[in-house]
N, C-alpha and C. Protein backbone atom coordinates (compact mmCIF):
# COMPACT_ATOMS: atom_id res chain seq x y z
N UNK A 1 0.84 -1.17 0.00
CA UNK A 1 0.00 0.00 0.00
C UNK A 1 0.89 1.24 0.00
N UNK A 2 0.47 2.26 -0.71
CA UNK A 2 1.26 3.48 -0.83
C UNK A 2 1.21 4.27 0.47
N UNK A 3 2.28 5.02 0.72
CA UNK A 3 2.34 5.86 1.92
C UNK A 3 1.47 7.09 1.71
N UNK A 4 0.49 7.28 2.58
CA UNK A 4 -0.42 8.42 2.45
C UNK A 4 -0.16 9.48 3.50
N UNK A 5 0.95 9.40 4.20
CA UNK A 5 1.29 10.40 5.20
C UNK A 5 0.37 10.33 6.40
N UNK A 6 -0.25 11.45 6.76
CA UNK A 6 -1.13 11.50 7.91
C UNK A 6 -2.55 11.09 7.61
N UNK A 7 -2.87 10.75 6.36
CA UNK A 7 -4.22 10.38 5.97
C UNK A 7 -4.36 8.86 6.09
N UNK A 8 -5.44 8.41 6.72
CA UNK A 8 -5.67 6.98 6.86
C UNK A 8 -6.51 6.46 5.70
N UNK A 9 -6.17 5.27 5.26
CA UNK A 9 -6.95 4.60 4.23
C UNK A 9 -7.07 3.13 4.61
N UNK A 10 -8.03 2.46 3.97
CA UNK A 10 -8.30 1.05 4.29
C UNK A 10 -8.62 0.33 2.99
N UNK A 11 -8.06 -0.86 2.83
CA UNK A 11 -8.38 -1.68 1.67
C UNK A 11 -9.83 -2.14 1.80
N UNK A 12 -10.67 -1.72 0.88
CA UNK A 12 -12.11 -2.00 0.95
C UNK A 12 -12.51 -2.82 -0.27
N UNK A 13 -13.14 -4.00 -0.08
CA UNK A 13 -13.55 -4.83 -1.22
C UNK A 13 -14.83 -4.31 -1.87
N UNK A 14 -14.98 -4.62 -3.16
CA UNK A 14 -16.17 -4.27 -3.93
C UNK A 14 -16.87 -5.55 -4.36
N UNK A 15 -18.21 -5.55 -4.30
CA UNK A 15 -19.00 -6.71 -4.71
C UNK A 15 -20.02 -6.29 -5.74
N UNK A 16 -20.16 -7.09 -6.79
CA UNK A 16 -21.13 -6.82 -7.83
C UNK A 16 -20.63 -5.81 -8.84
N UNK A 17 -21.26 -5.80 -10.00
CA UNK A 17 -20.92 -4.83 -11.03
C UNK A 17 -19.54 -5.07 -11.63
N UNK A 18 -19.03 -4.10 -12.35
CA UNK A 18 -17.75 -4.25 -13.01
C UNK A 18 -16.55 -4.35 -12.05
N UNK A 19 -16.68 -3.88 -10.83
CA UNK A 19 -15.57 -3.90 -9.87
C UNK A 19 -15.58 -5.15 -8.98
N UNK A 20 -16.41 -6.13 -9.29
CA UNK A 20 -16.57 -7.31 -8.45
C UNK A 20 -15.24 -8.03 -8.23
N UNK A 21 -14.93 -8.29 -6.95
CA UNK A 21 -13.72 -9.01 -6.59
C UNK A 21 -12.49 -8.14 -6.40
N UNK A 22 -12.58 -6.88 -6.71
CA UNK A 22 -11.44 -5.98 -6.54
C UNK A 22 -11.51 -5.28 -5.19
N UNK A 23 -10.39 -4.77 -4.75
CA UNK A 23 -10.37 -3.95 -3.54
C UNK A 23 -9.46 -2.76 -3.80
N UNK A 24 -9.87 -1.62 -3.26
CA UNK A 24 -9.13 -0.37 -3.45
C UNK A 24 -8.85 0.26 -2.10
N UNK A 25 -7.75 1.00 -1.97
CA UNK A 25 -7.53 1.75 -0.74
C UNK A 25 -8.45 2.98 -0.73
N UNK A 26 -9.39 3.01 0.21
CA UNK A 26 -10.36 4.09 0.31
C UNK A 26 -9.98 4.97 1.50
N UNK A 27 -9.97 6.28 1.29
CA UNK A 27 -9.66 7.21 2.38
C UNK A 27 -10.76 7.17 3.43
N UNK A 28 -10.38 7.18 4.70
CA UNK A 28 -11.34 7.15 5.80
C UNK A 28 -11.67 8.57 6.23
N UNK A 29 -12.90 8.74 6.71
CA UNK A 29 -13.32 10.05 7.20
C UNK A 29 -12.86 10.28 8.62
N UNK A 30 -13.30 11.38 9.23
CA UNK A 30 -12.88 11.71 10.60
C UNK A 30 -13.35 10.69 11.64
N UNK A 31 -14.41 9.93 11.34
CA UNK A 31 -14.90 8.92 12.28
C UNK A 31 -14.26 7.56 12.06
N UNK A 32 -13.38 7.44 11.07
CA UNK A 32 -12.70 6.17 10.81
C UNK A 32 -13.48 5.25 9.89
N UNK A 33 -14.49 5.76 9.19
CA UNK A 33 -15.27 4.95 8.27
C UNK A 33 -15.13 5.50 6.85
N UNK A 34 -15.25 4.63 5.85
CA UNK A 34 -15.22 5.11 4.47
C UNK A 34 -16.53 5.83 4.13
N UNK A 35 -16.59 6.57 3.03
CA UNK A 35 -17.82 7.28 2.67
C UNK A 35 -18.98 6.32 2.40
N UNK A 36 -20.22 6.79 2.57
CA UNK A 36 -21.40 5.95 2.38
C UNK A 36 -21.57 5.52 0.93
N UNK A 37 -21.26 6.40 0.01
CA UNK A 37 -21.33 6.05 -1.41
C UNK A 37 -19.97 6.30 -2.04
N UNK A 38 -19.66 5.49 -3.05
CA UNK A 38 -18.41 5.64 -3.78
C UNK A 38 -18.77 5.65 -5.25
N UNK A 39 -18.47 6.73 -5.94
CA UNK A 39 -18.80 6.90 -7.35
C UNK A 39 -17.52 6.79 -8.18
N UNK A 40 -17.60 5.96 -9.24
CA UNK A 40 -16.46 5.74 -10.12
C UNK A 40 -16.86 6.18 -11.52
N UNK A 41 -16.30 7.28 -12.04
CA UNK A 41 -16.61 7.68 -13.41
C UNK A 41 -15.82 6.83 -14.41
N UNK A 42 -16.54 6.27 -15.39
CA UNK A 42 -15.92 5.46 -16.43
C UNK A 42 -16.04 6.22 -17.74
N UNK A 43 -14.91 6.59 -18.38
CA UNK A 43 -15.00 7.37 -19.62
C UNK A 43 -15.65 6.59 -20.74
N UNK A 44 -16.39 7.31 -21.59
CA UNK A 44 -17.06 6.72 -22.75
C UNK A 44 -16.06 6.62 -23.90
N UNK A 45 -16.06 5.48 -24.62
CA UNK A 45 -15.13 5.29 -25.73
C UNK A 45 -15.43 6.24 -26.89
N UNK A 46 -16.71 6.62 -27.05
CA UNK A 46 -17.11 7.48 -28.15
C UNK A 46 -16.90 8.96 -27.84
N UNK A 47 -16.41 9.29 -26.66
CA UNK A 47 -16.17 10.68 -26.30
C UNK A 47 -17.36 11.36 -25.66
N UNK A 48 -18.41 10.61 -25.33
CA UNK A 48 -19.59 11.18 -24.68
C UNK A 48 -19.36 11.36 -23.19
N UNK A 49 -20.42 11.68 -22.48
CA UNK A 49 -20.28 11.85 -21.03
C UNK A 49 -19.94 10.52 -20.35
N UNK A 50 -19.16 10.55 -19.28
CA UNK A 50 -18.77 9.30 -18.62
C UNK A 50 -19.94 8.64 -17.91
N UNK A 51 -19.89 7.32 -17.85
CA UNK A 51 -20.85 6.54 -17.08
C UNK A 51 -20.35 6.49 -15.64
N UNK A 52 -21.23 6.70 -14.68
CA UNK A 52 -20.83 6.71 -13.28
C UNK A 52 -21.34 5.44 -12.60
N UNK A 53 -20.41 4.64 -12.07
CA UNK A 53 -20.77 3.45 -11.31
C UNK A 53 -20.94 3.86 -9.85
N UNK A 54 -22.03 3.43 -9.23
CA UNK A 54 -22.30 3.81 -7.84
C UNK A 54 -22.26 2.57 -6.97
N UNK A 55 -21.50 2.67 -5.88
CA UNK A 55 -21.40 1.59 -4.90
C UNK A 55 -21.82 2.14 -3.54
N UNK A 56 -22.56 1.35 -2.77
CA UNK A 56 -23.03 1.74 -1.43
C UNK A 56 -22.26 0.96 -0.38
N UNK A 57 -21.93 1.63 0.73
CA UNK A 57 -21.20 1.01 1.84
C UNK A 57 -22.16 0.16 2.66
N UNK A 58 -21.76 -1.08 2.94
CA UNK A 58 -22.51 -1.98 3.81
C UNK A 58 -21.52 -2.65 4.77
N UNK A 59 -21.99 -3.10 5.94
CA UNK A 59 -21.07 -3.78 6.87
C UNK A 59 -20.57 -5.10 6.28
N UNK A 60 -19.29 -5.38 6.49
CA UNK A 60 -18.71 -6.64 6.01
C UNK A 60 -19.18 -7.80 6.88
N UNK A 61 -19.22 -7.58 8.19
CA UNK A 61 -19.70 -8.57 9.15
C UNK A 61 -20.06 -7.83 10.44
N UNK A 62 -20.70 -8.53 11.37
CA UNK A 62 -21.07 -7.93 12.65
C UNK A 62 -20.42 -8.72 13.78
N UNK A 63 -20.07 -8.01 14.86
CA UNK A 63 -19.49 -8.70 16.02
C UNK A 63 -20.58 -9.51 16.71
N UNK A 64 -20.18 -10.59 17.36
CA UNK A 64 -21.15 -11.49 17.99
C UNK A 64 -21.82 -10.85 19.20
N UNK A 65 -21.04 -10.19 19.99
CA UNK A 65 -21.55 -9.73 21.27
C UNK A 65 -22.43 -8.49 21.18
N UNK A 66 -21.95 -7.45 20.51
CA UNK A 66 -22.69 -6.20 20.46
C UNK A 66 -23.36 -5.94 19.12
N UNK A 67 -23.04 -6.72 18.11
CA UNK A 67 -23.63 -6.53 16.79
C UNK A 67 -23.07 -5.32 16.05
N UNK A 68 -21.87 -4.89 16.42
CA UNK A 68 -21.25 -3.75 15.76
C UNK A 68 -20.61 -4.18 14.44
N UNK A 69 -20.55 -3.29 13.47
CA UNK A 69 -19.91 -3.64 12.18
C UNK A 69 -18.42 -3.93 12.36
N UNK A 70 -17.97 -5.00 11.70
CA UNK A 70 -16.54 -5.35 11.70
C UNK A 70 -16.02 -5.14 10.29
N UNK A 71 -15.73 -3.90 9.96
CA UNK A 71 -15.24 -3.59 8.63
C UNK A 71 -16.37 -3.27 7.67
N UNK A 72 -15.99 -2.76 6.51
CA UNK A 72 -16.97 -2.33 5.52
C UNK A 72 -16.63 -2.90 4.16
N UNK A 73 -17.62 -2.96 3.29
CA UNK A 73 -17.43 -3.32 1.89
C UNK A 73 -18.42 -2.48 1.07
N UNK A 74 -18.22 -2.45 -0.22
CA UNK A 74 -19.11 -1.71 -1.11
C UNK A 74 -19.86 -2.69 -1.99
N UNK A 75 -21.18 -2.48 -2.12
CA UNK A 75 -22.02 -3.28 -3.01
C UNK A 75 -22.50 -2.40 -4.14
N UNK A 76 -22.58 -2.99 -5.33
CA UNK A 76 -22.96 -2.26 -6.53
C UNK A 76 -24.43 -1.85 -6.46
N UNK A 77 -24.71 -0.61 -6.82
CA UNK A 77 -26.07 -0.08 -6.89
C UNK A 77 -26.34 0.28 -8.34
N UNK A 78 -26.96 -0.63 -9.12
CA UNK A 78 -27.12 -0.37 -10.56
C UNK A 78 -27.99 0.84 -10.88
N UNK A 79 -28.94 1.17 -10.01
CA UNK A 79 -29.80 2.32 -10.29
C UNK A 79 -29.11 3.62 -9.90
N UNK A 80 -28.22 3.59 -8.93
CA UNK A 80 -27.45 4.76 -8.54
C UNK A 80 -28.28 5.89 -7.97
N UNK A 81 -29.33 5.55 -7.23
CA UNK A 81 -30.18 6.58 -6.65
C UNK A 81 -29.45 7.31 -5.54
N UNK A 82 -29.67 8.60 -5.44
CA UNK A 82 -29.07 9.38 -4.38
C UNK A 82 -29.88 9.19 -3.10
N UNK A 83 -29.18 8.91 -2.02
CA UNK A 83 -29.84 8.78 -0.72
C UNK A 83 -29.28 9.81 0.24
N UNK A 84 -28.84 10.94 -0.29
CA UNK A 84 -28.19 11.94 0.52
C UNK A 84 -29.14 12.89 1.24
N UNK A 85 -30.46 12.76 0.98
CA UNK A 85 -31.41 13.67 1.61
C UNK A 85 -31.53 13.36 3.10
N UNK A 86 -31.60 14.41 3.89
CA UNK A 86 -31.77 14.22 5.33
C UNK A 86 -33.18 13.72 5.61
N UNK A 87 -33.30 12.81 6.54
CA UNK A 87 -34.60 12.22 6.87
C UNK A 87 -34.98 12.64 8.28
N UNK A 88 -35.58 13.80 8.39
CA UNK A 88 -36.02 14.30 9.68
C UNK A 88 -37.44 13.83 9.96
N UNK A 89 -37.80 13.59 11.22
CA UNK A 89 -39.16 13.12 11.53
C UNK A 89 -40.23 14.12 11.09
N UNK A 90 -39.94 15.40 11.12
CA UNK A 90 -40.94 16.38 10.76
C UNK A 90 -41.00 16.62 9.26
N UNK A 91 -40.19 15.92 8.48
CA UNK A 91 -40.19 16.08 7.03
C UNK A 91 -41.10 15.07 6.34
N UNK A 92 -41.77 14.22 7.10
CA UNK A 92 -42.63 13.21 6.50
C UNK A 92 -43.82 13.88 5.82
N UNK A 93 -44.33 13.27 4.74
CA UNK A 93 -45.47 13.87 4.07
C UNK A 93 -46.70 13.89 4.99
N UNK A 94 -47.48 14.93 4.84
CA UNK A 94 -48.66 15.11 5.68
C UNK A 94 -49.72 14.09 5.29
N UNK A 95 -50.27 13.37 6.28
CA UNK A 95 -51.29 12.36 6.02
C UNK A 95 -52.68 12.96 5.93
N UNK A 96 -52.83 14.23 6.29
CA UNK A 96 -54.14 14.87 6.26
C UNK A 96 -54.43 15.36 4.85
N UNK A 97 -55.49 14.87 4.20
CA UNK A 97 -55.78 15.31 2.84
C UNK A 97 -56.43 16.69 2.83
N UNK A 98 -55.94 17.53 1.95
CA UNK A 98 -56.61 18.79 1.68
C UNK A 98 -56.58 19.84 2.76
N UNK A 99 -55.46 20.18 3.30
CA UNK A 99 -55.38 21.34 4.18
C UNK A 99 -55.16 21.03 5.64
N UNK A 100 -55.62 21.98 6.47
CA UNK A 100 -55.39 21.88 7.91
C UNK A 100 -56.31 20.86 8.55
N UNK A 101 -55.91 20.28 9.70
CA UNK A 101 -56.75 19.29 10.35
C UNK A 101 -58.08 19.86 10.84
N UNK A 102 -58.13 21.14 11.21
CA UNK A 102 -59.37 21.70 11.73
C UNK A 102 -60.17 22.44 10.67
N UNK A 103 -59.81 22.27 9.41
CA UNK A 103 -60.52 22.92 8.32
C UNK A 103 -61.81 22.17 8.03
N UNK A 104 -62.97 22.77 8.26
CA UNK A 104 -64.25 22.10 8.04
C UNK A 104 -64.79 22.34 6.64
N UNK A 105 -64.19 23.27 5.89
CA UNK A 105 -64.69 23.58 4.55
C UNK A 105 -63.89 22.89 3.45
N UNK A 106 -62.96 22.05 3.83
CA UNK A 106 -61.99 21.50 2.92
C UNK A 106 -62.43 20.36 2.14
């Protein structure tokens, strides 16, 4: 593995898709985990826009006692949907049809 100085990296395996069976040194964040998504741009042979392969981070295994993740791996996400939106409890869609709950004319 190459010397990265003060930056930590970890050999992370890839499963599925074109990168199946390979592992790359992935830079770790401040919490010691790799990023949740890993995007790999693949250039187009015809000179068009590159195709982007999307991989999602999943636990490699869990510890027996506490169920904590023991390492990470990336699984191929063929649809490549973004899951970066924050999911706050108050952001859920309103179940009340047509206006305010106390609206009697609605």
